[in-house]
């Protein structure tokens, strides 16, 4: 595996800015991710329990390592306000060597 693919970006959404800040801060404090960015508000349209819903949400983008992903996913499942939170990981296939080294340093347990 190339060094770059050791890094991932993880995305989730939540129902409020307060919830997004809480999920971001605690993940960083626990070194589950090096960075968490919050976008919002955004509008999400989706089907849930056989109904089409349109809700305002806030999106979080975490930068982390593949090694820390299982702990980040477990944290999000335990602390997220949704029954079935969006948790999507995307490989970072290339990037600044300095930035990726920083991600690696910041996510050491």
Protein backbone atom coordinates (compact mmCIF):
# COMPACT_ATOMS: atom_id res chain seq x y z
CA UNK A 1 0.00 0.00 0.00
CA UNK A 2 1.40 3.41 -0.86
CA UNK A 3 1.95 5.79 2.02
CA UNK A 4 -0.74 8.17 0.73
CA UNK A 5 -3.48 5.55 1.01
CA UNK A 6 -2.79 5.28 4.71
CA UNK A 7 -4.77 8.53 5.01
CA UNK A 8 -8.51 9.00 4.75
CA UNK A 9 -11.15 11.70 4.92
CA UNK A 10 -14.25 10.74 6.90
CA UNK A 11 -17.57 12.51 6.39
CA UNK A 12 -20.65 12.62 8.59
CA UNK A 13 -23.62 14.96 8.99
CA UNK A 14 -25.53 16.03 12.07
CA UNK A 15 -28.60 18.05 13.00
CA UNK A 16 -27.08 21.20 14.53
CA UNK A 17 -23.97 23.34 14.63
CA UNK A 18 -23.66 22.58 18.35
CA UNK A 19 -23.69 18.84 17.69
CA UNK A 20 -21.12 19.26 14.89
CA UNK A 21 -18.78 21.25 17.15
CA UNK A 22 -19.11 18.67 19.93
CA UNK A 23 -18.43 15.74 17.60
CA UNK A 24 -15.46 17.58 16.08
CA UNK A 25 -13.87 18.73 19.33
CA UNK A 26 -14.06 15.41 21.12
CA UNK A 27 -12.62 13.51 18.14
CA UNK A 28 -9.68 15.92 18.00
CA UNK A 29 -9.15 15.76 21.78
CA UNK A 30 -9.04 11.95 21.55
CA UNK A 31 -6.63 12.18 18.58
CA UNK A 32 -9.03 10.18 16.40
CA UNK A 33 -8.49 12.79 13.68
CA UNK A 34 -6.00 15.57 13.07
CA UNK A 35 -8.58 18.01 11.76
CA UNK A 36 -12.35 18.33 11.57
CA UNK A 37 -13.96 20.87 9.30
CA UNK A 38 -17.59 21.89 9.64
CA UNK A 39 -19.73 23.02 6.69
CA UNK A 40 -23.22 24.28 7.07
CA UNK A 41 -25.93 24.72 7.14
CA UNK A 42 -26.62 22.41 4.21
CA UNK A 43 -29.91 20.95 3.00
CA UNK A 44 -30.24 17.18 2.86
CA UNK A 45 -33.05 15.41 1.03
CA UNK A 46 -33.38 11.70 1.80
CA UNK A 47 -35.80 8.90 2.53
CA UNK A 48 -36.16 7.71 6.12
CA UNK A 49 -38.79 5.30 7.37
CA UNK A 50 -40.62 5.41 4.02
CA UNK A 51 -40.94 9.21 4.00
CA UNK A 52 -39.06 11.77 1.94
CA UNK A 53 -37.42 14.25 4.32
CA UNK A 54 -35.74 17.59 3.81
CA UNK A 55 -33.62 18.71 6.75
CA UNK A 56 -30.97 21.26 7.61
CA UNK A 57 -27.71 19.62 8.61
CA UNK A 58 -24.05 20.38 9.26
CA UNK A 59 -21.37 18.30 7.53
CA UNK A 60 -18.11 17.29 9.21
CA UNK A 61 -14.97 16.31 7.31
CA UNK A 62 -12.32 14.57 9.40
CA UNK A 63 -8.73 13.95 8.22
CA UNK A 64 -7.24 10.87 9.82
CA UNK A 65 -5.25 7.72 9.22
CA UNK A 66 -6.62 4.37 8.17
CA UNK A 67 -5.29 2.94 11.45
CA UNK A 68 -7.45 5.35 13.51
CA UNK A 69 -10.59 4.83 11.43
CA UNK A 70 -12.08 1.96 13.49
CA UNK A 71 -11.89 4.07 16.66
CA UNK A 72 -13.30 7.15 14.92
CA UNK A 73 -16.18 5.10 13.52
CA UNK A 74 -16.91 3.58 16.96
CA UNK A 75 -16.81 7.05 18.53
CA UNK A 76 -19.23 8.45 15.95
CA UNK A 77 -21.64 5.53 16.35
CA UNK A 78 -21.61 5.93 20.14
CA UNK A 79 -21.87 9.73 20.32
CA UNK A 80 -23.86 10.68 17.23
CA UNK A 81 -27.46 11.81 17.76
CA UNK A 82 -28.74 9.84 14.72
CA UNK A 83 -29.82 6.20 14.84
CA UNK A 84 -27.94 5.53 11.59
CA UNK A 85 -25.37 8.27 11.05
CA UNK A 86 -23.69 8.79 7.71
CA UNK A 87 -20.08 7.65 8.11
CA UNK A 88 -18.20 7.56 4.82
CA UNK A 89 -14.44 7.18 4.46
CA UNK A 90 -12.63 8.23 1.30
CA UNK A 91 -9.01 7.41 0.58
CA UNK A 92 -6.61 10.31 0.26
CA UNK A 93 -4.56 9.06 -2.67
CA UNK A 94 -2.09 11.93 -2.74
CA UNK A 95 -1.35 15.11 -0.87
CA UNK A 96 1.30 17.37 0.55
CA UNK A 97 3.93 15.26 2.31
CA UNK A 98 4.16 17.86 5.07
CA UNK A 99 0.40 17.87 5.63
CA UNK A 100 0.14 14.08 5.65
CA UNK A 101 3.05 13.87 8.11
CA UNK A 102 1.16 16.31 10.35
CA UNK A 103 -1.98 14.15 10.14
CA UNK A 104 0.10 11.12 11.13
CA UNK A 105 1.67 12.97 14.11
CA UNK A 106 -1.64 14.38 15.36
CA UNK A 107 -3.42 11.02 15.30
CA UNK A 108 -0.87 9.01 17.25
CA UNK A 109 -2.56 7.55 20.28
